[in-house]
Protein backbone atom coordinates (compact mmCIF):
# COMPACT_ATOMS: atom_id res chain seq x y z
CA MET A 1 53.31 35.06 -21.59
CA ILE A 2 51.38 37.45 -18.33
CA GLN A 3 49.26 39.83 -19.60
CA GLY A 4 48.81 43.52 -17.70
CA ASN A 5 50.83 44.03 -14.60
CA LEU A 6 51.02 41.34 -12.13
CA GLN A 7 52.20 42.10 -8.34
CA LYS A 8 55.04 39.58 -7.50
CA GLU A 9 52.98 38.10 -4.27
CA LYS A 10 50.17 37.58 -6.06
CA GLU A 11 51.82 35.75 -9.35
CA ASP A 12 53.46 33.68 -6.96
CA LYS A 13 50.48 32.62 -4.78
CA ILE A 14 48.59 31.84 -9.22
CA TYR A 15 51.71 29.59 -9.58
CA LYS A 16 52.01 27.99 -6.60
CA GLU A 17 48.00 26.56 -6.79
CA ALA A 18 48.09 26.08 -10.27
CA LEU A 19 50.93 23.93 -10.03
CA LYS A 20 49.41 21.85 -7.56
CA GLU A 21 45.83 21.41 -9.31
CA PHE A 22 47.91 20.69 -13.15
CA ALA A 23 50.59 17.97 -10.93
CA GLN A 24 47.55 16.52 -9.16
CA ASN A 25 44.56 16.07 -11.74
CA GLY A 26 46.93 16.73 -15.23
CA TYR A 27 46.06 19.42 -17.52
CA ASP A 28 42.63 17.96 -19.22
CA LYS A 29 41.18 18.00 -15.29
CA GLY A 30 42.90 20.86 -13.66
CA SER A 31 40.44 22.93 -12.54
CA THR A 32 40.44 26.75 -12.84
CA ASN A 33 37.89 27.39 -10.38
CA THR A 34 39.70 25.03 -7.48
CA ILE A 35 42.59 27.56 -8.94
CA VAL A 36 41.01 30.93 -8.60
CA LYS A 37 39.44 29.68 -4.95
CA GLU A 38 42.65 28.29 -3.45
CA ALA A 39 44.50 31.69 -4.94
CA GLY A 40 41.34 34.43 -3.51
CA ILE A 41 41.29 35.42 -7.20
CA SER A 42 37.97 35.80 -9.82
CA LYS A 43 38.26 33.72 -12.55
CA GLY A 44 37.85 37.50 -14.51
CA ALA A 45 41.43 38.72 -12.85
CA LEU A 46 42.85 35.38 -13.74
CA PHE A 47 41.99 34.82 -17.33
CA ASN A 48 42.85 38.98 -17.75
CA TYR A 49 46.50 37.82 -16.40
CA PHE A 50 46.70 34.38 -18.72
CA LYS A 51 43.90 34.74 -21.19
CA ASN A 52 42.94 31.18 -21.13
CA LYS A 53 43.74 27.60 -19.48
CA ARG A 54 46.58 26.94 -22.32
CA ARG A 55 48.69 29.78 -21.74
CA LEU A 56 48.08 29.60 -17.56
CA TYR A 57 49.48 25.81 -18.29
CA LEU A 58 52.37 27.10 -20.34
CA TYR A 59 53.24 29.75 -17.80
CA VAL A 60 53.26 27.23 -14.89
CA VAL A 61 55.31 24.14 -17.18
CA ASN A 62 57.78 26.87 -17.80
CA ARG A 63 58.41 28.05 -14.69
CA ALA A 64 58.47 24.80 -12.91
CA LEU A 65 61.28 23.52 -15.54
CA LYS A 66 63.58 27.08 -15.12
CA GLU A 67 63.19 26.36 -11.78
CA LEU A 68 64.28 22.24 -11.81
CA GLU A 69 67.07 23.46 -14.63
CA GLN A 70 68.61 25.67 -11.99
CA VAL A 71 68.99 23.45 -9.24
CA PHE A 72 69.95 20.86 -11.51
CA LEU A 73 73.10 22.69 -12.87
CA GLU A 74 73.58 24.19 -9.46
CA ASP A 75 73.51 20.94 -7.52
CA ILE A 76 75.38 18.54 -9.95
CA LYS A 77 79.03 19.27 -9.68
CA SER A 78 81.32 16.21 -10.31
CA VAL A 79 79.94 13.27 -12.89
CA SER A 80 81.92 10.22 -13.89
CA TYR A 81 84.40 10.91 -17.09
CA ASP A 82 82.66 7.46 -18.29
CA ILE A 83 79.64 7.99 -20.19
CA PHE A 84 78.22 5.10 -19.24
CA GLU A 85 78.75 6.14 -15.92
CA ARG A 86 78.06 9.24 -16.66
CA ILE A 87 74.31 8.47 -17.94
CA ALA A 88 73.18 6.35 -14.63
CA GLU A 89 74.88 9.39 -12.78
CA ILE A 90 72.68 11.71 -13.70
CA CYS A 91 69.76 9.80 -14.08
CA GLU A 92 69.94 9.19 -10.29
CA TYR A 93 70.31 12.78 -9.90
CA LYS A 94 66.89 13.30 -11.99
CA VAL A 95 65.48 10.81 -9.39
CA LYS A 96 66.65 12.40 -6.25
CA LEU A 97 65.34 15.72 -7.51
CA ALA A 98 62.06 14.60 -8.76
CA LEU A 99 61.31 13.18 -5.35
CA LYS A 100 62.42 16.54 -3.83
CA PHE A 101 60.41 18.43 -6.40
CA PRO A 102 57.40 16.27 -7.13
CA MET A 103 54.94 18.78 -8.07
CA GLU A 104 57.55 20.57 -10.82
CA SER A 105 58.66 17.42 -11.80
CA THR A 106 54.81 15.60 -12.40
CA ILE A 107 53.92 18.55 -14.78
CA THR A 108 57.02 18.86 -16.53
CA MET A 109 56.79 14.88 -17.50
CA GLU A 110 52.88 15.73 -18.21
CA ALA A 111 54.06 18.33 -20.81
CA PHE A 112 57.03 16.77 -22.06
CA GLY A 113 55.24 13.43 -22.00
CA VAL A 114 51.90 12.62 -22.53
CA LYS A 115 50.43 16.05 -23.39
CA PHE A 116 53.92 16.85 -25.76
CA GLU A 117 52.13 16.95 -29.26
CA ASP A 118 49.27 18.67 -27.97
CA PHE A 119 51.89 21.64 -26.50
CA GLN A 120 54.87 21.23 -28.90
CA ASP A 121 54.23 24.69 -30.70
CA GLU A 122 54.76 26.69 -27.35
CA LEU A 123 57.44 24.31 -25.94
CA LYS A 124 59.94 23.44 -28.75
CA SER A 125 61.90 25.95 -27.95
CA GLU A 126 62.10 24.66 -24.25
CA TYR A 127 62.29 21.29 -25.41
CA ASP A 128 65.27 22.31 -27.60
CA ARG A 129 67.35 24.10 -24.68
CA TYR A 130 66.69 21.21 -22.92
CA VAL A 131 67.97 18.54 -25.12
CA GLU A 132 71.22 21.06 -25.64
CA ILE A 133 72.02 21.20 -22.28
CA SER A 134 71.31 17.20 -22.01
CA ASN A 135 73.58 16.87 -24.64
CA LYS A 136 76.66 19.25 -23.35
CA LEU A 137 75.96 17.38 -19.75
CA LEU A 138 76.71 14.19 -21.64
CA LEU A 139 79.08 14.35 -23.49
CA GLU A 140 81.64 16.85 -21.74
CA ASN A 141 85.24 15.57 -20.72
CA ILE A 142 84.44 11.92 -21.45
CA ASP A 143 87.15 10.11 -21.55
CA TYR A 144 86.83 8.34 -24.92
CA SER A 145 89.83 5.92 -24.77
CA LYS A 146 87.78 3.36 -23.70
CA PHE A 147 86.26 2.53 -27.09
CA LYS A 148 87.70 0.75 -29.22
CA GLU A 149 89.35 2.32 -32.29
CA GLU A 150 87.23 1.28 -34.92
CA VAL A 151 84.00 2.75 -33.12
CA ASP A 152 82.32 5.58 -34.27
CA VAL A 153 81.25 7.64 -31.09
CA LYS A 154 78.79 10.20 -32.39
CA ALA A 155 76.62 7.47 -33.29
CA VAL A 156 76.73 5.33 -30.25
CA PHE A 157 75.89 8.64 -28.33
CA GLU A 158 72.95 9.05 -30.81
CA MET A 159 71.90 5.85 -30.48
CA LEU A 160 71.48 6.09 -26.67
CA LEU A 161 69.66 9.24 -27.17
CA TYR A 162 67.18 7.10 -29.23
CA ILE A 163 67.05 4.41 -26.52
CA SER A 164 66.19 7.18 -24.20
CA GLU A 165 63.54 8.94 -25.79
CA GLY A 166 62.05 5.27 -26.71
CA PHE A 167 62.24 3.93 -23.27
CA SER A 168 60.83 7.19 -21.98
CA LYS A 169 57.48 6.91 -24.33
CA LYS A 170 57.38 3.17 -23.43
CA ILE A 171 57.33 4.08 -19.50
CA MET A 172 54.89 7.27 -20.49
CA ALA A 173 52.75 4.31 -22.67
CA THR A 174 52.77 1.99 -19.33
CA TYR A 175 52.61 4.44 -16.43
CA GLY A 176 50.88 7.77 -18.14
CA SER A 177 52.66 11.07 -16.33
CA ASN A 178 51.56 9.83 -13.04
CA TYR A 179 55.09 10.63 -11.02
CA ASN A 180 53.95 8.48 -7.89
CA VAL A 181 53.31 5.16 -10.26
CA ILE A 182 56.61 5.74 -11.71
CA MET A 183 58.71 6.45 -8.48
CA ASN A 184 57.31 3.68 -7.22
CA ASN A 185 58.50 1.25 -9.91
CA ARG A 186 61.78 3.30 -10.71
CA GLU A 187 64.11 -0.20 -9.56
CA LYS A 188 62.41 -1.96 -12.08
CA ILE A 189 62.64 0.56 -14.69
CA ASN A 190 66.11 1.63 -13.84
CA LYS A 191 67.36 -2.08 -14.18
CA GLU A 192 65.35 -2.68 -17.25
CA PHE A 193 67.19 0.93 -19.00
CA SER A 194 70.51 -0.30 -17.28
CA ARG A 195 70.31 -3.79 -19.25
CA PHE A 196 69.90 -1.47 -22.27
CA VAL A 197 72.81 0.01 -21.79
CA GLU A 198 75.11 -2.58 -20.85
CA ILE A 199 74.49 -4.31 -24.08
CA ILE A 200 75.82 -1.06 -26.15
CA LYS A 201 78.47 -0.91 -23.64
CA ASN A 202 80.17 -4.39 -23.28
CA SER A 203 79.99 -3.50 -27.45
CA VAL A 204 81.82 -0.74 -28.13
CA TYR A 205 84.56 -0.86 -24.88
CA LYS A 206 87.55 -2.35 -25.18
């Protein structure tokens, strides 16, 4: 992603300022002029290392995502054996993580939400890895004894994924990738999502 030799201190400074700019203004309105001014480098130097604004944005998204994943996987230790309780626990932890790392959460939310269609070729491998980690976290050590005998558990899980994906798209359509607006409405969002999950739970549990 980075071209040439870039000192760690300078790289971290560029990342910090680019993260702030893209988190506050999004990709389309994010200004490389502001980034180079705050980072204390020339625009020529910036594009020497990152070629263009698109490459810089992808670098910031990938780095922010990896940092969030690392914290998430290190901190979330104990989760319920009940799949529905586990979903609620993971969602709640993700909210806490977003509150702790608002800029990283905002830019990854934009990249995998409203801007994903524009960047899906470059971000596909990261998205697939995210899905794989999420699936493993959701399905590992689940208590399947609570399900009715005739229930196809795999189909239930796929249904939950479809609902989550569709609900995420609905949130993006309603609030865009505005992190502050989403956080201010999180109780309403959680209540609506829980209603859908509860319907499935009552249908498949004994």
